[in-house]
Amino acid sequence: NAKDILCDPEKRSNYDKWRRSGIAISYKQWCAMKEHVHQ
């Protein structure tokens, strides 16, 4: 949930990157795509 994301520094950093990217997908989709790219 949102509290978990905002209280976890790494997740918060990812959330901020997603916000700044302006990409038109949900945060959840962005995280899934990001994980896929990094593996």
C-alpha atoms as a PDB file:
ATOM      1  CA  ASN A   1       0.000   0.000   0.000  1.00  0.00           C
ATOM      2  CA  ALA A   2       0.974   3.651  -0.200  1.00  0.00           C
ATOM      3  CA  LYS A   3       2.310   3.825   3.366  1.00  0.00           C
ATOM      4  CA  ASP A   4       4.697   0.931   2.680  1.00  0.00           C
ATOM      5  CA  ILE A   5       6.018   2.677  -0.427  1.00  0.00           C
ATOM      6  CA  LEU A   6       6.443   6.074   1.197  1.00  0.00           C
ATOM      7  CA  CYS A   7       8.088   4.646   4.344  1.00  0.00           C
ATOM      8  CA  ASP A   8      10.603   2.487   2.448  1.00  0.00           C
ATOM      9  CA  PRO A   9      13.458   4.650   1.087  1.00  0.00           C
ATOM     10  CA  GLU A  10      14.124   2.401  -1.916  1.00  0.00           C
ATOM     11  CA  LYS A  11      10.450   2.123  -2.855  1.00  0.00           C
ATOM     12  CA  ARG A  12      10.031   5.871  -2.310  1.00  0.00           C
ATOM     13  CA  SER A  13      12.938   6.544  -4.670  1.00  0.00           C
ATOM     14  CA  ASN A  14      11.330   4.336  -7.329  1.00  0.00           C
ATOM     15  CA  TYR A  15       7.983   6.066  -6.818  1.00  0.00           C
ATOM     16  CA  ASP A  16       9.589   9.484  -7.242  1.00  0.00           C
ATOM     17  CA  LYS A  17      11.310   8.327 -10.456  1.00  0.00           C
ATOM     18  CA  TRP A  18       7.961   7.062 -11.777  1.00  0.00           C
ATOM     19  CA  ARG A  19       6.308  10.395 -10.941  1.00  0.00           C
ATOM     20  CA  ARG A  20       9.058  12.394 -12.667  1.00  0.00           C
ATOM     21  CA  SER A  21       9.030  10.133 -15.727  1.00  0.00           C
ATOM     22  CA  GLY A  22       5.512  11.279 -16.641  1.00  0.00           C
ATOM     23  CA  ILE A  23       4.932   7.848 -18.174  1.00  0.00           C
ATOM     24  CA  ALA A  24       1.279   6.977 -18.762  1.00  0.00           C
ATOM     25  CA  ILE A  25       1.199   3.624 -16.967  1.00  0.00           C
ATOM     26  CA  SER A  26       0.331   2.784 -13.383  1.00  0.00           C
ATOM     27  CA  TYR A  27       3.042   2.670 -10.735  1.00  0.00           C
ATOM     28  CA  LYS A  28       2.439  -1.071 -10.360  1.00  0.00           C
ATOM     29  CA  GLN A  29       2.953  -1.638 -14.113  1.00  0.00           C
ATOM     30  CA  TRP A  30       6.042   0.584 -14.061  1.00  0.00           C
ATOM     31  CA  CYS A  31       7.544  -1.439 -11.199  1.00  0.00           C
ATOM     32  CA  ALA A  32       6.847  -4.707 -13.008  1.00  0.00           C
ATOM     33  CA  MET A  33       8.428  -3.381 -16.190  1.00  0.00           C
ATOM     34  CA  LYS A  34      11.409  -2.017 -14.253  1.00  0.00           C
ATOM     35  CA  GLU A  35      11.982  -5.380 -12.522  1.00  0.00           C
ATOM     36  CA  HIS A  36      11.761  -7.168 -15.861  1.00  0.00           C
ATOM     37  CA  VAL A  37      14.332  -4.832 -17.427  1.00  0.00           C
ATOM     38  CA  HIS A  38      16.809  -5.218 -14.551  1.00  0.00           C
ATOM     39  CA  GLN A  39      16.853  -9.015 -14.592  1.00  0.00           C
END
